[in-house]
Amino acid sequence: MRMDETRHRPVLWQEALDGLRLSLGDTVIDATLGGGGHTLLFRSAIGETGKVVSFDMDQVAVDRFLMRAKQDAGMSADLEVGRLSVVHANFSDIGFVMEEIGLTSADAIFADLGYSSDQIEDGARGLSFLKDGPLDMRLDQRSDETAAHIVNVWSEASLAELFSEMGDEEYAKGIARALVRARKERAFTKTLELAEAIERAVPMRIRLKRKTHPATKVFQALRIAVNDEYGNLERFLEQSVGLLAPGGRLGIISFHSGEDRIVKRFFHRMAKGCECPPEFPVCVCHKQPKLKNASREPIIASEREISENPRARSAKLRFAEKC
């Protein structure tokens, strides 16, 4: 695959367009550029008078998209005049970056929290056990934390807590114990050797019950920890509310329960008004709702989309609207 090509296919793309309710001339923030699929859809929907600002913490994703864009006359012109902007930054810095480029509000903000196929299938990133590679897992190479540091340095108790809380791994303590024992002989440096050690640590009775590889949940937990995904998501959500114009919509696609739980709880908290105790005869806090839930239940992919793009199976899309 050439540097300017992408294997990634955006999930729930029609549902994202419908839910954001974009109009000609809108300003849209795509907080997770990835393969660029959603960015291109938004660009088409808002026309020549609109503006799309796309973020990604992964320099490779930014460079790949810009290489493709500069080979297309229309996108190249959009980049030149500012109708399309691509920023190498973590979406947790969305407020600061938007201030830097002189934009104070957006009509829609969108984030797809999943990893792109380009990232997962690149063995050199170490994000998956499907291909051997270094135990890195960083999306932003400017970061210091790596998966190798976590599995080779963290205590057994800390590893068990990580695998349980961020991976929903039911055998977290046993896996942590096995990894600490194994690393005394030799430090883990490769994804496949880690995956094999995890597989050996999980009892056969548990392996037989699962439909996925025994290392799936541990690798998920490591990716979340290395990239501070939960912390960055919470910071992004808080800043997004302030950036949205009245009536603007915020759409989030999540791929596992921890992310979806954060989004659901945030939308619920922002939709609440008065927080005074029930015994108070009148409101004294004067708190007003900032968002209203536009999708009470998460939107999921159709069977047709799942058959065409299996990674859509676990995707959940939620929307909220600025009051």
C-alpha atoms as a PDB file:
ATOM      1  CA  MET A   1       0.000   0.000   0.000  1.00  0.00           C
ATOM      2  CA  ARG A   2       1.309   3.445  -0.953  1.00  0.00           C
ATOM      3  CA  MET A   3       1.788   6.071   1.738  1.00  0.00           C
ATOM      4  CA  ASP A   4      -1.148   8.116   0.390  1.00  0.00           C
ATOM      5  CA  GLU A   5      -3.570   5.165   0.316  1.00  0.00           C
ATOM      6  CA  THR A   6      -5.905   4.053   3.087  1.00  0.00           C
ATOM      7  CA  ARG A   7      -7.587   0.752   3.929  1.00  0.00           C
ATOM      8  CA  HIS A   8      -9.946   2.409   6.374  1.00  0.00           C
ATOM      9  CA  ARG A   9     -13.703   2.541   5.764  1.00  0.00           C
ATOM     10  CA  PRO A  10     -15.779   4.916   7.912  1.00  0.00           C
ATOM     11  CA  VAL A  11     -18.513   3.264   9.963  1.00  0.00           C
ATOM     12  CA  LEU A  12     -22.078   4.542  10.377  1.00  0.00           C
ATOM     13  CA  TRP A  13     -21.336   7.227   7.816  1.00  0.00           C
ATOM     14  CA  GLN A  14     -24.937   7.783   6.716  1.00  0.00           C
ATOM     15  CA  GLU A  15     -26.153   7.815  10.311  1.00  0.00           C
ATOM     16  CA  ALA A  16     -23.448  10.362  11.168  1.00  0.00           C
ATOM     17  CA  LEU A  17     -24.520  12.654   8.339  1.00  0.00           C
ATOM     18  CA  ASP A  18     -28.205  12.336   9.221  1.00  0.00           C
ATOM     19  CA  GLY A  19     -27.659  12.908  12.946  1.00  0.00           C
ATOM     20  CA  LEU A  20     -25.411  15.951  12.605  1.00  0.00           C
ATOM     21  CA  ARG A  21     -28.004  17.664  10.366  1.00  0.00           C
ATOM     22  CA  LEU A  22     -25.399  19.544   8.377  1.00  0.00           C
ATOM     23  CA  SER A  23     -26.330  22.476   6.148  1.00  0.00           C
ATOM     24  CA  LEU A  24     -24.521  24.368   3.415  1.00  0.00           C
ATOM     25  CA  GLY A  25     -22.056  26.824   4.948  1.00  0.00           C
ATOM     26  CA  ASP A  26     -21.677  25.008   8.269  1.00  0.00           C
ATOM     27  CA  THR A  27     -18.416  24.784  10.195  1.00  0.00           C
ATOM     28  CA  VAL A  28     -17.662  21.194  11.202  1.00  0.00           C
ATOM     29  CA  ILE A  29     -14.942  19.767  13.428  1.00  0.00           C
ATOM     30  CA  ASP A  30     -13.909  16.192  12.697  1.00  0.00           C
ATOM     31  CA  ALA A  31     -11.963  15.526  15.879  1.00  0.00           C
ATOM     32  CA  THR A  32     -10.569  12.183  14.680  1.00  0.00           C
ATOM     33  CA  LEU A  33      -9.380  12.340  11.082  1.00  0.00           C
ATOM     34  CA  GLY A  34      -8.122   8.740  10.794  1.00  0.00           C
ATOM     35  CA  GLY A  35      -8.430   7.607   7.185  1.00  0.00           C
ATOM     36  CA  GLY A  36     -10.322  10.780   6.303  1.00  0.00           C
ATOM     37  CA  GLY A  37     -13.603   9.128   5.358  1.00  0.00           C
ATOM     38  CA  HIS A  38     -15.860  11.165   7.611  1.00  0.00           C
ATOM     39  CA  THR A  39     -13.982  14.380   6.822  1.00  0.00           C
ATOM     40  CA  LEU A  40     -14.652  13.930   3.097  1.00  0.00           C
ATOM     41  CA  LEU A  41     -18.336  13.233   3.749  1.00  0.00           C
ATOM     42  CA  PHE A  42     -18.679  16.392   5.842  1.00  0.00           C
ATOM     43  CA  ARG A  43     -16.824  18.461   3.251  1.00  0.00           C
ATOM     44  CA  SER A  44     -19.280  17.328   0.584  1.00  0.00           C
ATOM     45  CA  ALA A  45     -22.330  18.010   2.766  1.00  0.00           C
ATOM     46  CA  ILE A  46     -21.474  21.623   3.681  1.00  0.00           C
ATOM     47  CA  GLY A  47     -20.487  22.807   0.213  1.00  0.00           C
ATOM     48  CA  GLU A  48     -18.047  25.478  -0.898  1.00  0.00           C
ATOM     49  CA  THR A  49     -19.149  27.994   1.720  1.00  0.00           C
ATOM     50  CA  GLY A  50     -18.567  25.619   4.649  1.00  0.00           C
ATOM     51  CA  LYS A  51     -15.431  24.761   6.580  1.00  0.00           C
ATOM     52  CA  VAL A  52     -14.072  21.491   7.974  1.00  0.00           C
ATOM     53  CA  VAL A  53     -11.351  21.371  10.625  1.00  0.00           C
ATOM     54  CA  SER A  54      -9.919  17.886  11.191  1.00  0.00           C
ATOM     55  CA  PHE A  55      -7.714  16.743  14.075  1.00  0.00           C
ATOM     56  CA  ASP A  56      -5.523  13.713  14.589  1.00  0.00           C
ATOM     57  CA  MET A  57      -2.843  12.962  17.154  1.00  0.00           C
ATOM     58  CA  ASP A  58      -1.256  10.518  14.702  1.00  0.00           C
ATOM     59  CA  GLN A  59       1.238  12.324  12.451  1.00  0.00           C
ATOM     60  CA  VAL A  60       1.186   9.419   9.986  1.00  0.00           C
ATOM     61  CA  ALA A  61      -2.591   9.749   9.538  1.00  0.00           C
ATOM     62  CA  VAL A  62      -2.263  13.497   8.974  1.00  0.00           C
ATOM     63  CA  ASP A  63       0.536  13.086   6.438  1.00  0.00           C
ATOM     64  CA  ARG A  64      -1.301  10.317   4.582  1.00  0.00           C
ATOM     65  CA  PHE A  65      -4.452  12.396   4.242  1.00  0.00           C
ATOM     66  CA  LEU A  66      -2.573  15.528   3.134  1.00  0.00           C
ATOM     67  CA  MET A  67      -0.715  13.555   0.464  1.00  0.00           C
ATOM     68  CA  ARG A  68      -4.036  12.349  -0.939  1.00  0.00           C
ATOM     69  CA  ALA A  69      -5.632  15.790  -0.647  1.00  0.00           C
ATOM     70  CA  LYS A  70      -2.857  17.548  -2.530  1.00  0.00           C
ATOM     71  CA  GLN A  71      -3.322  15.169  -5.465  1.00  0.00           C
ATOM     72  CA  ASP A  72      -6.970  16.224  -5.765  1.00  0.00           C
ATOM     73  CA  ALA A  73      -7.556  19.642  -7.308  1.00  0.00           C
ATOM     74  CA  GLY A  74     -10.682  20.383  -5.265  1.00  0.00           C
ATOM     75  CA  MET A  75      -9.247  19.358  -1.903  1.00  0.00           C
ATOM     76  CA  SER A  76      -5.972  21.084  -2.659  1.00  0.00           C
ATOM     77  CA  ALA A  77      -7.859  24.329  -3.312  1.00  0.00           C
ATOM     78  CA  ASP A  78      -9.864  23.879  -0.104  1.00  0.00           C
ATOM     79  CA  LEU A  79      -6.643  23.474   1.880  1.00  0.00           C
ATOM     80  CA  GLU A  80      -5.146  26.562   0.275  1.00  0.00           C
ATOM     81  CA  VAL A  81      -8.073  28.877   1.063  1.00  0.00           C
ATOM     82  CA  GLY A  82      -8.863  27.379   4.480  1.00  0.00           C
ATOM     83  CA  ARG A  83     -12.134  25.607   3.695  1.00  0.00           C
ATOM     84  CA  LEU A  84     -10.360  22.455   4.882  1.00  0.00           C
ATOM     85  CA  SER A  85      -7.815  22.475   7.708  1.00  0.00           C
ATOM     86  CA  VAL A  86      -5.916  19.469   9.048  1.00  0.00           C
ATOM     87  CA  VAL A  87      -4.250  19.778  12.444  1.00  0.00           C
ATOM     88  CA  HIS A  88      -1.769  17.426  14.110  1.00  0.00           C
ATOM     89  CA  ALA A  89      -3.123  17.599  17.638  1.00  0.00           C
ATOM     90  CA  ASN A  90      -4.901  15.536  20.246  1.00  0.00           C
ATOM     91  CA  PHE A  91      -8.619  16.247  20.324  1.00  0.00           C
ATOM     92  CA  SER A  92      -8.280  16.893  24.044  1.00  0.00           C
ATOM     93  CA  ASP A  93      -6.658  20.210  22.994  1.00  0.00           C
ATOM     94  CA  ILE A  94      -9.601  21.170  20.782  1.00  0.00           C
ATOM     95  CA  GLY A  95     -10.349  24.412  22.618  1.00  0.00           C
ATOM     96  CA  PHE A  96      -6.779  25.686  22.505  1.00  0.00           C
ATOM     97  CA  VAL A  97      -6.301  24.752  18.842  1.00  0.00           C
ATOM     98  CA  MET A  98      -9.555  26.345  17.722  1.00  0.00           C
ATOM     99  CA  GLU A  99      -8.566  29.545  19.518  1.00  0.00           C
ATOM    100  CA  GLU A 100      -5.169  29.436  17.821  1.00  0.00           C
ATOM    101  CA  ILE A 101      -6.722  29.229  14.343  1.00  0.00           C
ATOM    102  CA  GLY A 102      -9.286  31.910  15.136  1.00  0.00           C
ATOM    103  CA  LEU A 103     -12.511  29.896  15.273  1.00  0.00           C
ATOM    104  CA  THR A 104     -14.778  30.423  18.254  1.00  0.00           C
ATOM    105  CA  SER A 105     -17.622  28.044  17.444  1.00  0.00           C
ATOM    106  CA  ALA A 106     -18.728  25.121  15.285  1.00  0.00           C
ATOM    107  CA  ASP A 107     -22.113  23.951  13.996  1.00  0.00           C
ATOM    108  CA  ALA A 108     -21.177  20.305  14.461  1.00  0.00           C
ATOM    109  CA  ILE A 109     -18.445  18.337  16.211  1.00  0.00           C
ATOM    110  CA  PHE A 110     -17.809  14.681  15.535  1.00  0.00           C
ATOM    111  CA  ALA A 111     -15.440  12.003  16.849  1.00  0.00           C
ATOM    112  CA  ASP A 112     -14.955   8.369  15.826  1.00  0.00           C
ATOM    113  CA  LEU A 113     -13.089   6.868  18.775  1.00  0.00           C
ATOM    114  CA  GLY A 114     -12.016   3.699  16.990  1.00  0.00           C
ATOM    115  CA  TYR A 115      -8.599   2.973  15.553  1.00  0.00           C
ATOM    116  CA  SER A 116      -8.349   3.108  11.786  1.00  0.00           C
ATOM    117  CA  SER A 117      -7.590  -0.025   9.812  1.00  0.00           C
ATOM    118  CA  ASP A 118      -4.356   1.649   8.683  1.00  0.00           C
ATOM    119  CA  GLN A 119      -3.186   1.867  12.295  1.00  0.00           C
ATOM    120  CA  ILE A 120      -4.262  -1.616  13.388  1.00  0.00           C
ATOM    121  CA  GLU A 121      -2.768  -3.327  10.340  1.00  0.00           C
ATOM    122  CA  ASP A 122       0.580  -1.540  10.638  1.00  0.00           C
ATOM    123  CA  GLY A 123       2.721  -4.012  12.576  1.00  0.00           C
ATOM    124  CA  ALA A 124       5.289  -1.331  13.346  1.00  0.00           C
ATOM    125  CA  ARG A 125       2.750   0.455  15.560  1.00  0.00           C
ATOM    126  CA  GLY A 126       2.347  -2.581  17.834  1.00  0.00           C
ATOM    127  CA  LEU A 127      -1.377  -1.965  18.282  1.00  0.00           C
ATOM    128  CA  SER A 128      -2.509  -5.493  17.510  1.00  0.00           C
ATOM    129  CA  PHE A 129      -1.435  -9.083  18.111  1.00  0.00           C
ATOM    130  CA  LEU A 130      -2.440 -10.015  14.554  1.00  0.00           C
ATOM    131  CA  LYS A 131       0.969  -8.890  13.291  1.00  0.00           C
ATOM    132  CA  ASP A 132       4.264  -8.999  15.124  1.00  0.00           C
ATOM    133  CA  GLY A 133       5.774  -5.679  16.021  1.00  0.00           C
ATOM    134  CA  PRO A 134       7.320  -3.654  18.837  1.00  0.00           C
ATOM    135  CA  LEU A 135       5.322  -3.192  22.027  1.00  0.00           C
ATOM    136  CA  ASP A 136       4.720   0.483  21.362  1.00  0.00           C
ATOM    137  CA  MET A 137       1.012   1.300  20.825  1.00  0.00           C
ATOM    138  CA  ARG A 138       1.533   5.084  20.819  1.00  0.00           C
ATOM    139  CA  LEU A 139      -0.606   7.025  18.382  1.00  0.00           C
ATOM    140  CA  ASP A 140       1.377  10.170  19.111  1.00  0.00           C
ATOM    141  CA  GLN A 141       5.084   9.410  18.929  1.00  0.00           C
ATOM    142  CA  ARG A 142       5.779  12.508  21.031  1.00  0.00           C
ATOM    143  CA  SER A 143       4.409  10.641  24.057  1.00  0.00           C
ATOM    144  CA  ASP A 144       6.781   8.857  26.460  1.00  0.00           C
ATOM    145  CA  GLU A 145       4.556   5.978  27.654  1.00  0.00           C
ATOM    146  CA  THR A 146       4.683   2.679  25.759  1.00  0.00           C
ATOM    147  CA  ALA A 147       3.061  -0.724  26.165  1.00  0.00           C
ATOM    148  CA  ALA A 148       6.511  -2.234  26.761  1.00  0.00           C
ATOM    149  CA  HIS A 149       7.046   0.048  29.757  1.00  0.00           C
ATOM    150  CA  ILE A 150       3.681  -0.872  31.223  1.00  0.00           C
ATOM    151  CA  VAL A 151       4.010  -4.661  30.955  1.00  0.00           C
ATOM    152  CA  ASN A 152       7.663  -4.703  32.048  1.00  0.00           C
ATOM    153  CA  VAL A 153       7.586  -2.138  34.877  1.00  0.00           C
ATOM    154  CA  TRP A 154       4.127  -1.823  36.381  1.00  0.00           C
ATOM    155  CA  SER A 155       3.410  -3.867  39.511  1.00  0.00           C
ATOM    156  CA  GLU A 156       1.288  -6.991  39.417  1.00  0.00           C
ATOM    157  CA  ALA A 157      -1.537  -5.206  41.251  1.00  0.00           C
ATOM    158  CA  SER A 158      -1.470  -2.252  38.830  1.00  0.00           C
ATOM    159  CA  LEU A 159      -1.517  -4.540  35.802  1.00  0.00           C
ATOM    160  CA  ALA A 160      -4.430  -6.542  37.190  1.00  0.00           C
ATOM    161  CA  GLU A 161      -6.379  -3.330  37.868  1.00  0.00           C
ATOM    162  CA  LEU A 162      -5.655  -2.041  34.357  1.00  0.00           C
ATOM    163  CA  PHE A 163      -6.720  -5.257  32.621  1.00  0.00           C
ATOM    164  CA  SER A 164      -9.885  -5.453  34.703  1.00  0.00           C
ATOM    165  CA  GLU A 165     -11.022  -1.826  34.582  1.00  0.00           C
ATOM    166  CA  MET A 166     -10.046  -0.886  31.027  1.00  0.00           C
ATOM    167  CA  GLY A 167     -10.246  -4.280  29.368  1.00  0.00           C
ATOM    168  CA  ASP A 168     -13.104  -5.926  31.273  1.00  0.00           C
ATOM    169  CA  GLU A 169     -10.801  -8.943  31.548  1.00  0.00           C
ATOM    170  CA  GLU A 170     -12.287 -11.450  34.016  1.00  0.00           C
ATOM    171  CA  TYR A 171      -8.969 -13.279  34.470  1.00  0.00           C
ATOM    172  CA  ALA A 172      -6.982 -10.074  35.002  1.00  0.00           C
ATOM    173  CA  LYS A 173      -5.207 -11.192  38.182  1.00  0.00           C
ATOM    174  CA  GLY A 174      -4.041 -14.462  36.685  1.00  0.00           C
ATOM    175  CA  ILE A 175      -2.728 -12.783  33.543  1.00  0.00           C
ATOM    176  CA  ALA A 176      -0.923 -10.091  35.556  1.00  0.00           C
ATOM    177  CA  ARG A 177       0.662 -12.749  37.767  1.00  0.00           C
ATOM    178  CA  ALA A 178       1.861 -14.717  34.732  1.00  0.00           C
ATOM    179  CA  LEU A 179       3.321 -11.661  32.993  1.00  0.00           C
ATOM    180  CA  VAL A 180       5.244 -10.538  36.073  1.00  0.00           C
ATOM    181  CA  ARG A 181       6.649 -14.036  36.470  1.00  0.00           C
ATOM    182  CA  ALA A 182       7.637 -14.258  32.778  1.00  0.00           C
ATOM    183  CA  ARG A 183       9.293 -10.838  32.600  1.00  0.00           C
ATOM    184  CA  LYS A 184      11.749 -11.854  35.315  1.00  0.00           C
ATOM    185  CA  GLU A 185      13.312 -14.186  32.758  1.00  0.00           C
ATOM    186  CA  ARG A 186      13.132 -11.810  29.794  1.00  0.00           C
ATOM    187  CA  ALA A 187      11.487  -8.460  29.162  1.00  0.00           C
ATOM    188  CA  PHE A 188       8.604  -8.350  26.700  1.00  0.00           C
ATOM    189  CA  THR A 189       9.506  -6.495  23.512  1.00  0.00           C
ATOM    190  CA  LYS A 190       7.168  -7.875  20.808  1.00  0.00           C
ATOM    191  CA  THR A 191       3.399  -8.072  20.396  1.00  0.00           C
ATOM    192  CA  LEU A 192       3.266 -11.764  19.506  1.00  0.00           C
ATOM    193  CA  GLU A 193       5.350 -12.888  22.473  1.00  0.00           C
ATOM    194  CA  LEU A 194       3.069 -10.925  24.779  1.00  0.00           C
ATOM    195  CA  ALA A 195      -0.045 -12.366  23.139  1.00  0.00           C
ATOM    196  CA  GLU A 196       1.326 -15.898  23.498  1.00  0.00           C
ATOM    197  CA  ALA A 197       2.134 -15.334  27.184  1.00  0.00           C
ATOM    198  CA  ILE A 198      -1.402 -14.075  27.779  1.00  0.00           C
ATOM    199  CA  GLU A 199      -2.876 -17.058  25.959  1.00  0.00           C
ATOM    200  CA  ARG A 200      -0.860 -19.470  28.118  1.00  0.00           C
ATOM    201  CA  ALA A 201      -2.024 -17.666  31.253  1.00  0.00           C
ATOM    202  CA  VAL A 202      -5.748 -17.981  30.505  1.00  0.00           C
ATOM    203  CA  PRO A 203      -7.189 -21.369  31.561  1.00  0.00           C
ATOM    204  CA  MET A 204      -8.550 -23.561  28.794  1.00  0.00           C
ATOM    205  CA  ARG A 205     -12.054 -23.509  30.309  1.00  0.00           C
ATOM    206  CA  ILE A 206     -12.147 -19.717  29.840  1.00  0.00           C
ATOM    207  CA  ARG A 207     -10.567 -19.794  26.377  1.00  0.00           C
ATOM    208  CA  LEU A 208     -13.185 -22.255  25.147  1.00  0.00           C
ATOM    209  CA  LYS A 209     -16.004 -19.905  26.185  1.00  0.00           C
ATOM    210  CA  ARG A 210     -14.648 -16.928  24.259  1.00  0.00           C
ATOM    211  CA  LYS A 211     -15.179 -16.014  20.635  1.00  0.00           C
ATOM    212  CA  THR A 212     -12.101 -13.775  20.557  1.00  0.00           C
ATOM    213  CA  HIS A 213      -8.394 -14.299  21.149  1.00  0.00           C
ATOM    214  CA  PRO A 214      -7.435 -14.410  24.865  1.00  0.00           C
ATOM    215  CA  ALA A 215      -5.217 -11.342  24.394  1.00  0.00           C
ATOM    216  CA  THR A 216      -7.957  -9.138  22.933  1.00  0.00           C
ATOM    217  CA  LYS A 217      -9.035  -7.440  26.164  1.00  0.00           C
ATOM    218  CA  VAL A 218      -5.512  -6.989  27.512  1.00  0.00           C
ATOM    219  CA  PHE A 219      -4.364  -5.325  24.289  1.00  0.00           C
ATOM    220  CA  GLN A 220      -7.415  -3.061  24.463  1.00  0.00           C
ATOM    221  CA  ALA A 221      -6.508  -2.054  28.017  1.00  0.00           C
ATOM    222  CA  LEU A 222      -2.905  -1.357  27.054  1.00  0.00           C
ATOM    223  CA  ARG A 223      -3.920   0.839  24.107  1.00  0.00           C
ATOM    224  CA  ILE A 224      -6.259   2.825  26.350  1.00  0.00           C
ATOM    225  CA  ALA A 225      -3.570   3.337  28.997  1.00  0.00           C
ATOM    226  CA  VAL A 226      -0.744   4.205  26.596  1.00  0.00           C
ATOM    227  CA  ASN A 227      -2.836   6.829  24.812  1.00  0.00           C
ATOM    228  CA  ASP A 228      -4.768   8.049  27.899  1.00  0.00           C
ATOM    229  CA  GLU A 229      -7.942   7.513  25.914  1.00  0.00           C
ATOM    230  CA  TYR A 230     -10.415   7.963  28.747  1.00  0.00           C
ATOM    231  CA  GLY A 231      -8.784  11.119  30.076  1.00  0.00           C
ATOM    232  CA  ASN A 232      -8.474  12.642  26.614  1.00  0.00           C
ATOM    233  CA  LEU A 233     -12.110  11.793  25.823  1.00  0.00           C
ATOM    234  CA  GLU A 234     -13.363  13.503  28.995  1.00  0.00           C
ATOM    235  CA  ARG A 235     -11.300  16.635  28.297  1.00  0.00           C
ATOM    236  CA  PHE A 236     -12.519  16.705  24.687  1.00  0.00           C
ATOM    237  CA  LEU A 237     -16.179  16.409  25.690  1.00  0.00           C
ATOM    238  CA  GLU A 238     -15.945  19.231  28.237  1.00  0.00           C
ATOM    239  CA  GLN A 239     -14.382  21.611  25.712  1.00  0.00           C
ATOM    240  CA  SER A 240     -16.714  20.628  22.878  1.00  0.00           C
ATOM    241  CA  VAL A 241     -19.796  21.921  24.695  1.00  0.00           C
ATOM    242  CA  GLY A 242     -18.297  25.399  24.858  1.00  0.00           C
ATOM    243  CA  LEU A 243     -17.401  25.349  21.168  1.00  0.00           C
ATOM    244  CA  LEU A 244     -20.787  24.248  19.856  1.00  0.00           C
ATOM    245  CA  ALA A 245     -23.101  26.933  18.514  1.00  0.00           C
ATOM    246  CA  PRO A 246     -26.681  26.899  19.863  1.00  0.00           C
ATOM    247  CA  GLY A 247     -28.538  24.095  18.107  1.00  0.00           C
ATOM    248  CA  GLY A 248     -25.252  22.527  17.044  1.00  0.00           C
ATOM    249  CA  ARG A 249     -24.786  18.793  17.404  1.00  0.00           C
ATOM    250  CA  LEU A 250     -22.071  16.630  18.929  1.00  0.00           C
ATOM    251  CA  GLY A 251     -21.757  13.074  17.583  1.00  0.00           C
ATOM    252  CA  ILE A 252     -19.543  10.356  19.081  1.00  0.00           C
ATOM    253  CA  ILE A 253     -18.894   6.829  17.809  1.00  0.00           C
ATOM    254  CA  SER A 254     -17.472   4.516  20.482  1.00  0.00           C
ATOM    255  CA  PHE A 255     -16.304   0.918  20.171  1.00  0.00           C
ATOM    256  CA  HIS A 256     -16.202  -0.449  23.683  1.00  0.00           C
ATOM    257  CA  SER A 257     -18.229  -0.161  26.859  1.00  0.00           C
ATOM    258  CA  GLY A 258     -15.829   2.123  28.753  1.00  0.00           C
ATOM    259  CA  GLU A 259     -15.911   4.828  26.082  1.00  0.00           C
ATOM    260  CA  ASP A 260     -19.658   4.557  25.595  1.00  0.00           C
ATOM    261  CA  ARG A 261     -20.211   4.810  29.346  1.00  0.00           C
ATOM    262  CA  ILE A 262     -18.181   8.046  29.524  1.00  0.00           C
ATOM    263  CA  VAL A 263     -20.132   9.578  26.621  1.00  0.00           C
ATOM    264  CA  LYS A 264     -23.522   8.471  27.964  1.00  0.00           C
ATOM    265  CA  ARG A 265     -22.848   9.822  31.455  1.00  0.00           C
ATOM    266  CA  PHE A 266     -21.475  13.109  30.103  1.00  0.00           C
ATOM    267  CA  PHE A 267     -24.530  13.690  27.898  1.00  0.00           C
ATOM    268  CA  HIS A 268     -26.798  12.885  30.850  1.00  0.00           C
ATOM    269  CA  ARG A 269     -24.925  15.270  33.169  1.00  0.00           C
ATOM    270  CA  MET A 270     -24.965  18.108  30.641  1.00  0.00           C
ATOM    271  CA  ALA A 271     -28.706  17.591  30.056  1.00  0.00           C
ATOM    272  CA  LYS A 272     -29.546  18.054  33.728  1.00  0.00           C
ATOM    273  CA  GLY A 273     -30.780  21.380  35.026  1.00  0.00           C
ATOM    274  CA  CYS A 274     -31.361  22.148  38.680  1.00  0.00           C
ATOM    275  CA  GLU A 275     -29.258  20.130  41.138  1.00  0.00           C
ATOM    276  CA  CYS A 276     -30.799  21.449  44.323  1.00  0.00           C
ATOM    277  CA  PRO A 277     -31.847  18.888  46.958  1.00  0.00           C
ATOM    278  CA  PRO A 278     -35.481  17.771  46.521  1.00  0.00           C
ATOM    279  CA  GLU A 279     -36.460  19.329  49.857  1.00  0.00           C
ATOM    280  CA  PHE A 280     -35.629  22.839  48.574  1.00  0.00           C
ATOM    281  CA  PRO A 281     -38.899  24.676  47.793  1.00  0.00           C
ATOM    282  CA  VAL A 282     -37.275  26.729  44.987  1.00  0.00           C
ATOM    283  CA  CYS A 283     -34.141  26.396  42.891  1.00  0.00           C
ATOM    284  CA  VAL A 284     -31.137  28.274  44.240  1.00  0.00           C
ATOM    285  CA  CYS A 285     -28.391  26.770  42.042  1.00  0.00           C
ATOM    286  CA  HIS A 286     -29.879  28.245  38.832  1.00  0.00           C
ATOM    287  CA  LYS A 287     -28.122  25.600  36.761  1.00  0.00           C
ATOM    288  CA  GLN A 288     -29.434  25.292  33.213  1.00  0.00           C
ATOM    289  CA  PRO A 289     -29.054  22.314  30.866  1.00  0.00           C
ATOM    290  CA  LYS A 290     -26.266  22.746  28.320  1.00  0.00           C
ATOM    291  CA  LEU A 291     -27.152  19.795  26.083  1.00  0.00           C
ATOM    292  CA  LYS A 292     -30.166  17.721  25.268  1.00  0.00           C
ATOM    293  CA  ASN A 293     -29.891  14.085  24.288  1.00  0.00           C
ATOM    294  CA  ALA A 294     -30.701  13.714  20.609  1.00  0.00           C
ATOM    295  CA  SER A 295     -30.418   9.917  20.726  1.00  0.00           C
ATOM    296  CA  ARG A 296     -31.648   8.273  23.915  1.00  0.00           C
ATOM    297  CA  GLU A 297     -30.360   4.897  22.766  1.00  0.00           C
ATOM    298  CA  PRO A 298     -27.130   4.389  20.809  1.00  0.00           C
ATOM    299  CA  ILE A 299     -27.393   3.955  17.064  1.00  0.00           C
ATOM    300  CA  ILE A 300     -25.799   0.724  15.831  1.00  0.00           C
ATOM    301  CA  ALA A 301     -24.818  -0.560  12.406  1.00  0.00           C
ATOM    302  CA  SER A 302     -27.236  -2.451  10.192  1.00  0.00           C
ATOM    303  CA  GLU A 303     -26.637  -6.100   9.390  1.00  0.00           C
ATOM    304  CA  ARG A 304     -25.794  -5.049   5.857  1.00  0.00           C
ATOM    305  CA  GLU A 305     -23.065  -2.655   6.988  1.00  0.00           C
ATOM    306  CA  ILE A 306     -21.662  -5.238   9.390  1.00  0.00           C
ATOM    307  CA  SER A 307     -21.453  -7.809   6.577  1.00  0.00           C
ATOM    308  CA  GLU A 308     -19.608  -5.286   4.385  1.00  0.00           C
ATOM    309  CA  ASN A 309     -17.453  -3.805   7.174  1.00  0.00           C
ATOM    310  CA  PRO A 310     -17.112  -6.166  10.183  1.00  0.00           C
ATOM    311  CA  ARG A 311     -15.434  -3.507  12.375  1.00  0.00           C
ATOM    312  CA  ALA A 312     -18.822  -1.754  12.507  1.00  0.00           C
ATOM    313  CA  ARG A 313     -20.200  -4.568  14.671  1.00  0.00           C
ATOM    314  CA  SER A 314     -19.231  -2.962  17.977  1.00  0.00           C
ATOM    315  CA  ALA A 315     -19.794   0.683  16.961  1.00  0.00           C
ATOM    316  CA  LYS A 316     -22.263   2.807  18.953  1.00  0.00           C
ATOM    317  CA  LEU A 317     -23.187   6.323  17.856  1.00  0.00           C
ATOM    318  CA  ARG A 318     -24.700   8.915  20.203  1.00  0.00           C
ATOM    319  CA  PHE A 319     -25.740  12.507  19.564  1.00  0.00           C
ATOM    320  CA  ALA A 320     -26.400  15.504  21.785  1.00  0.00           C
ATOM    321  CA  GLU A 321     -27.604  18.971  20.821  1.00  0.00           C
ATOM    322  CA  LYS A 322     -26.516  22.324  22.288  1.00  0.00           C
ATOM    323  CA  CYS A 323     -29.352  24.044  24.146  1.00  0.00           C
END
